[in-house]
Amino acid sequence: LGKPSTLDPQHCQSFNHTVIKHHFKFLKKVIEEKEIPWENIYNMDEKGCQ
C-alpha cells in the first residue's frame, strides 16, 4: 500500500452539488445501459478507485 497524498485544492473547488449530481446521473445511465452487475462495481473516492 502506498502513502496517501493530499487532495489538490483545484479538485476541492470543483467538488460541488451540481457536479456530483451530474456525475451520479451519468454513472447510473452507464450502469443501466451496459447492464453492469453490482458485483462488478467497486469503491471510489476523490483520490481514486479501489
PDB file of N, CA and C in Angstrom:
ATOM      1  N   LEU A   1       0.830  -1.187   0.000  1.00  0.00           N
ATOM      2  CA  LEU A   1       0.000   0.000   0.000  1.00  0.00           C
ATOM      3  C   LEU A   1       0.870   1.245   0.000  1.00  0.00           C
ATOM      4  N   GLY A   2       0.461   2.216  -0.780  1.00  0.00           N
ATOM      5  CA  GLY A   2       1.199   3.470  -0.839  1.00  0.00           C
ATOM      6  C   GLY A   2       0.715   4.462   0.194  1.00  0.00           C
ATOM      7  N   LYS A   3       1.511   5.492   0.380  1.00  0.00           N
ATOM      8  CA  LYS A   3       1.141   6.559   1.308  1.00  0.00           C
ATOM      9  C   LYS A   3       0.117   7.474   0.631  1.00  0.00           C
ATOM     10  N   PRO A   4      -0.991   7.786   1.296  1.00  0.00           N
ATOM     11  CA  PRO A   4      -1.991   8.661   0.676  1.00  0.00           C
ATOM     12  C   PRO A   4      -1.433  10.065   0.461  1.00  0.00           C
ATOM     13  N   SER A   5      -1.827  10.677  -0.639  1.00  0.00           N
ATOM     14  CA  SER A   5      -1.400  12.046  -0.914  1.00  0.00           C
ATOM     15  C   SER A   5      -2.540  13.011  -0.593  1.00  0.00           C
ATOM     16  N   THR A   6      -2.200  14.285  -0.508  1.00  0.00           N
ATOM     17  CA  THR A   6      -3.225  15.281  -0.198  1.00  0.00           C
ATOM     18  C   THR A   6      -4.061  15.589  -1.439  1.00  0.00           C
ATOM     19  N   LEU A   7      -5.246  16.084  -1.213  1.00  0.00           N
ATOM     20  CA  LEU A   7      -6.162  16.429  -2.297  1.00  0.00           C
ATOM     21  C   LEU A   7      -5.780  17.791  -2.871  1.00  0.00           C
ATOM     22  N   ASP A   8      -5.685  17.867  -4.179  1.00  0.00           N
ATOM     23  CA  ASP A   8      -5.357  19.111  -4.875  1.00  0.00           C
ATOM     24  C   ASP A   8      -6.441  20.158  -4.611  1.00  0.00           C
ATOM     25  N   PRO A   9      -6.068  21.386  -4.230  1.00  0.00           N
ATOM     26  CA  PRO A   9      -7.073  22.431  -3.957  1.00  0.00           C
ATOM     27  C   PRO A   9      -8.022  22.691  -5.128  1.00  0.00           C
ATOM     28  N   GLN A  10      -7.549  22.568  -6.363  1.00  0.00           N
ATOM     29  CA  GLN A  10      -8.430  22.772  -7.514  1.00  0.00           C
ATOM     30  C   GLN A  10      -9.501  21.689  -7.585  1.00  0.00           C
ATOM     31  N   HIS A  11      -9.162  20.476  -7.177  1.00  0.00           N
ATOM     32  CA  HIS A  11     -10.166  19.415  -7.137  1.00  0.00           C
ATOM     33  C   HIS A  11     -11.226  19.733  -6.086  1.00  0.00           C
ATOM     34  N   CYS A  12     -10.810  20.286  -4.967  1.00  0.00           N
ATOM     35  CA  CYS A  12     -11.768  20.663  -3.917  1.00  0.00           C
ATOM     36  C   CYS A  12     -12.745  21.716  -4.424  1.00  0.00           C
ATOM     37  N   GLN A  13     -12.243  22.681  -5.192  1.00  0.00           N
ATOM     38  CA  GLN A  13     -13.097  23.755  -5.690  1.00  0.00           C
ATOM     39  C   GLN A  13     -14.141  23.236  -6.672  1.00  0.00           C
ATOM     40  N   SER A  14     -13.806  22.211  -7.438  1.00  0.00           N
ATOM     41  CA  SER A  14     -14.754  21.680  -8.425  1.00  0.00           C
ATOM     42  C   SER A  14     -15.741  20.691  -7.807  1.00  0.00           C
ATOM     43  N   PHE A  15     -15.569  20.377  -6.545  1.00  0.00           N
ATOM     44  CA  PHE A  15     -16.427  19.433  -5.835  1.00  0.00           C
ATOM     45  C   PHE A  15     -17.647  20.189  -5.313  1.00  0.00           C
ATOM     46  N   ASN A  16     -18.729  20.187  -6.092  1.00  0.00           N
ATOM     47  CA  ASN A  16     -19.942  20.874  -5.663  1.00  0.00           C
ATOM     48  C   ASN A  16     -21.163  20.023  -6.001  1.00  0.00           C
ATOM     49  N   HIS A  17     -22.300  20.420  -5.472  1.00  0.00           N
ATOM     50  CA  HIS A  17     -23.531  19.629  -5.596  1.00  0.00           C
ATOM     51  C   HIS A  17     -23.908  19.367  -7.055  1.00  0.00           C
ATOM     52  N   THR A  18     -23.813  20.367  -7.899  1.00  0.00           N
ATOM     53  CA  THR A  18     -24.206  20.225  -9.305  1.00  0.00           C
ATOM     54  C   THR A  18     -23.331  19.208 -10.028  1.00  0.00           C
ATOM     55  N   VAL A  19     -22.031  19.296  -9.822  1.00  0.00           N
ATOM     56  CA  VAL A  19     -21.091  18.377 -10.476  1.00  0.00           C
ATOM     57  C   VAL A  19     -21.326  16.951  -9.995  1.00  0.00           C
ATOM     58  N   ILE A  20     -21.497  16.778  -8.695  1.00  0.00           N
ATOM     59  CA  ILE A  20     -21.698  15.443  -8.125  1.00  0.00           C
ATOM     60  C   ILE A  20     -23.017  14.848  -8.611  1.00  0.00           C
ATOM     61  N   LYS A  21     -24.072  15.646  -8.620  1.00  0.00           N
ATOM     62  CA  LYS A  21     -25.380  15.167  -9.085  1.00  0.00           C
ATOM     63  C   LYS A  21     -25.295  14.712 -10.541  1.00  0.00           C
ATOM     64  N   HIS A  22     -24.646  15.513 -11.385  1.00  0.00           N
ATOM     65  CA  HIS A  22     -24.473  15.151 -12.794  1.00  0.00           C
ATOM     66  C   HIS A  22     -23.675  13.852 -12.927  1.00  0.00           C
ATOM     67  N   HIS A  23     -22.606  13.733 -12.145  1.00  0.00           N
ATOM     68  CA  HIS A  23     -21.767  12.534 -12.203  1.00  0.00           C
ATOM     69  C   HIS A  23     -22.583  11.275 -11.907  1.00  0.00           C
ATOM     70  N   PHE A  24     -23.372  11.300 -10.837  1.00  0.00           N
ATOM     71  CA  PHE A  24     -24.113  10.104 -10.456  1.00  0.00           C
ATOM     72  C   PHE A  24     -25.277   9.801 -11.394  1.00  0.00           C
ATOM     73  N   LYS A  25     -25.881  10.811 -11.996  1.00  0.00           N
ATOM     74  CA  LYS A  25     -26.900  10.560 -13.028  1.00  0.00           C
ATOM     75  C   LYS A  25     -26.263   9.865 -14.229  1.00  0.00           C
ATOM     76  N   PHE A  26     -25.101  10.370 -14.639  1.00  0.00           N
ATOM     77  CA  PHE A  26     -24.393   9.779 -15.769  1.00  0.00           C
ATOM     78  C   PHE A  26     -23.939   8.359 -15.433  1.00  0.00           C
ATOM     79  N   LEU A  27     -23.414   8.160 -14.231  1.00  0.00           N
ATOM     80  CA  LEU A  27     -22.971   6.835 -13.802  1.00  0.00           C
ATOM     81  C   LEU A  27     -24.137   5.847 -13.820  1.00  0.00           C
ATOM     82  N   LYS A  28     -25.290   6.253 -13.301  1.00  0.00           N
ATOM     83  CA  LYS A  28     -26.471   5.385 -13.302  1.00  0.00           C
ATOM     84  C   LYS A  28     -26.870   5.005 -14.724  1.00  0.00           C
ATOM     85  N   LYS A  29     -26.857   5.982 -15.625  1.00  0.00           N
ATOM     86  CA  LYS A  29     -27.210   5.737 -17.023  1.00  0.00           C
ATOM     87  C   LYS A  29     -26.273   4.709 -17.652  1.00  0.00           C
ATOM     88  N   VAL A  30     -24.981   4.850 -17.428  1.00  0.00           N
ATOM     89  CA  VAL A  30     -23.998   3.920 -17.996  1.00  0.00           C
ATOM     90  C   VAL A  30     -24.186   2.524 -17.413  1.00  0.00           C
ATOM     91  N   ILE A  31     -24.377   2.433 -16.103  1.00  0.00           N
ATOM     92  CA  ILE A  31     -24.574   1.131 -15.451  1.00  0.00           C
ATOM     93  C   ILE A  31     -25.796   0.426 -16.032  1.00  0.00           C
ATOM     94  N   GLU A  32     -26.878   1.165 -16.228  1.00  0.00           N
ATOM     95  CA  GLU A  32     -28.099   0.570 -16.773  1.00  0.00           C
ATOM     96  C   GLU A  32     -27.940   0.200 -18.246  1.00  0.00           C
ATOM     97  N   GLU A  33     -27.358   1.088 -19.045  1.00  0.00           N
ATOM     98  CA  GLU A  33     -27.191   0.812 -20.477  1.00  0.00           C
ATOM     99  C   GLU A  33     -26.260  -0.370 -20.735  1.00  0.00           C
ATOM    100  N   LYS A  34     -25.199  -0.451 -19.968  1.00  0.00           N
ATOM    101  CA  LYS A  34     -24.209  -1.523 -20.161  1.00  0.00           C
ATOM    102  C   LYS A  34     -24.542  -2.775 -19.363  1.00  0.00           C
ATOM    103  N   GLU A  35     -25.633  -2.704 -18.569  1.00  0.00           N
ATOM    104  CA  GLU A  35     -26.074  -3.833 -17.733  1.00  0.00           C
ATOM    105  C   GLU A  35     -24.928  -4.368 -16.877  1.00  0.00           C
ATOM    106  N   ILE A  36     -24.273  -3.463 -16.180  1.00  0.00           N
ATOM    107  CA  ILE A  36     -23.147  -3.827 -15.317  1.00  0.00           C
ATOM    108  C   ILE A  36     -23.698  -4.402 -14.013  1.00  0.00           C
ATOM    109  N   PRO A  37     -23.330  -5.637 -13.663  1.00  0.00           N
ATOM    110  CA  PRO A  37     -23.832  -6.230 -12.417  1.00  0.00           C
ATOM    111  C   PRO A  37     -23.189  -5.565 -11.192  1.00  0.00           C
ATOM    112  N   TRP A  38     -23.940  -5.530 -10.079  1.00  0.00           N
ATOM    113  CA  TRP A  38     -23.464  -4.875  -8.856  1.00  0.00           C
ATOM    114  C   TRP A  38     -22.135  -5.433  -8.378  1.00  0.00           C
ATOM    115  N   GLU A  39     -21.892  -6.729  -8.592  1.00  0.00           N
ATOM    116  CA  GLU A  39     -20.632  -7.310  -8.109  1.00  0.00           C
ATOM    117  C   GLU A  39     -19.418  -6.796  -8.886  1.00  0.00           C
ATOM    118  N   ASN A  40     -19.644  -6.093  -9.985  1.00  0.00           N
ATOM    119  CA  ASN A  40     -18.544  -5.510 -10.761  1.00  0.00           C
ATOM    120  C   ASN A  40     -18.380  -4.012 -10.514  1.00  0.00           C
ATOM    121  N   ILE A  41     -19.018  -3.507  -9.476  1.00  0.00           N
ATOM    122  CA  ILE A  41     -18.906  -2.093  -9.130  1.00  0.00           C
ATOM    123  C   ILE A  41     -18.063  -1.983  -7.862  1.00  0.00           C
ATOM    124  N   TYR A  42     -17.034  -1.136  -7.924  1.00  0.00           N
ATOM    125  CA  TYR A  42     -16.068  -1.028  -6.834  1.00  0.00           C
ATOM    126  C   TYR A  42     -16.113   0.342  -6.182  1.00  0.00           C
ATOM    127  N   ASN A  43     -15.479   0.448  -5.020  1.00  0.00           N
ATOM    128  CA  ASN A  43     -15.438   1.682  -4.247  1.00  0.00           C
ATOM    129  C   ASN A  43     -14.559   2.735  -4.924  1.00  0.00           C
ATOM    130  N   MET A  44     -15.066   3.986  -4.966  1.00  0.00           N
ATOM    131  CA  MET A  44     -14.271   5.103  -5.470  1.00  0.00           C
ATOM    132  C   MET A  44     -14.410   6.272  -4.509  1.00  0.00           C
ATOM    133  N   ASP A  45     -13.354   7.055  -4.411  1.00  0.00           N
ATOM    134  CA  ASP A  45     -13.424   8.293  -3.644  1.00  0.00           C
ATOM    135  C   ASP A  45     -12.735   9.394  -4.434  1.00  0.00           C
ATOM    136  N   GLU A  46     -12.506  10.534  -3.798  1.00  0.00           N
ATOM    137  CA  GLU A  46     -11.922  11.669  -4.513  1.00  0.00           C
ATOM    138  C   GLU A  46     -10.485  11.425  -4.956  1.00  0.00           C
ATOM    139  N   LYS A  47      -9.846  10.385  -4.454  1.00  0.00           N
ATOM    140  CA  LYS A  47      -8.452  10.106  -4.782  1.00  0.00           C
ATOM    141  C   LYS A  47      -8.288   9.001  -5.820  1.00  0.00           C
ATOM    142  N   GLY A  48      -9.298   8.173  -6.017  1.00  0.00           N
ATOM    143  CA  GLY A  48      -9.143   7.100  -6.989  1.00  0.00           C
ATOM    144  C   GLY A  48     -10.109   5.957  -6.771  1.00  0.00           C
ATOM    145  N   CYS A  49      -9.740   4.819  -7.286  1.00  0.00           N
ATOM    146  CA  CYS A  49     -10.602   3.642  -7.282  1.00  0.00           C
ATOM    147  C   CYS A  49      -9.929   2.520  -6.519  1.00  0.00           C
ATOM    148  N   GLN A  50     -10.697   1.761  -5.766  1.00  0.00           N
ATOM    149  CA  GLN A  50     -10.157   0.616  -5.033  1.00  0.00           C
ATOM    150  C   GLN A  50     -10.750  -0.660  -5.589  1.00  0.00           C
TER     151      GLN A  50
END
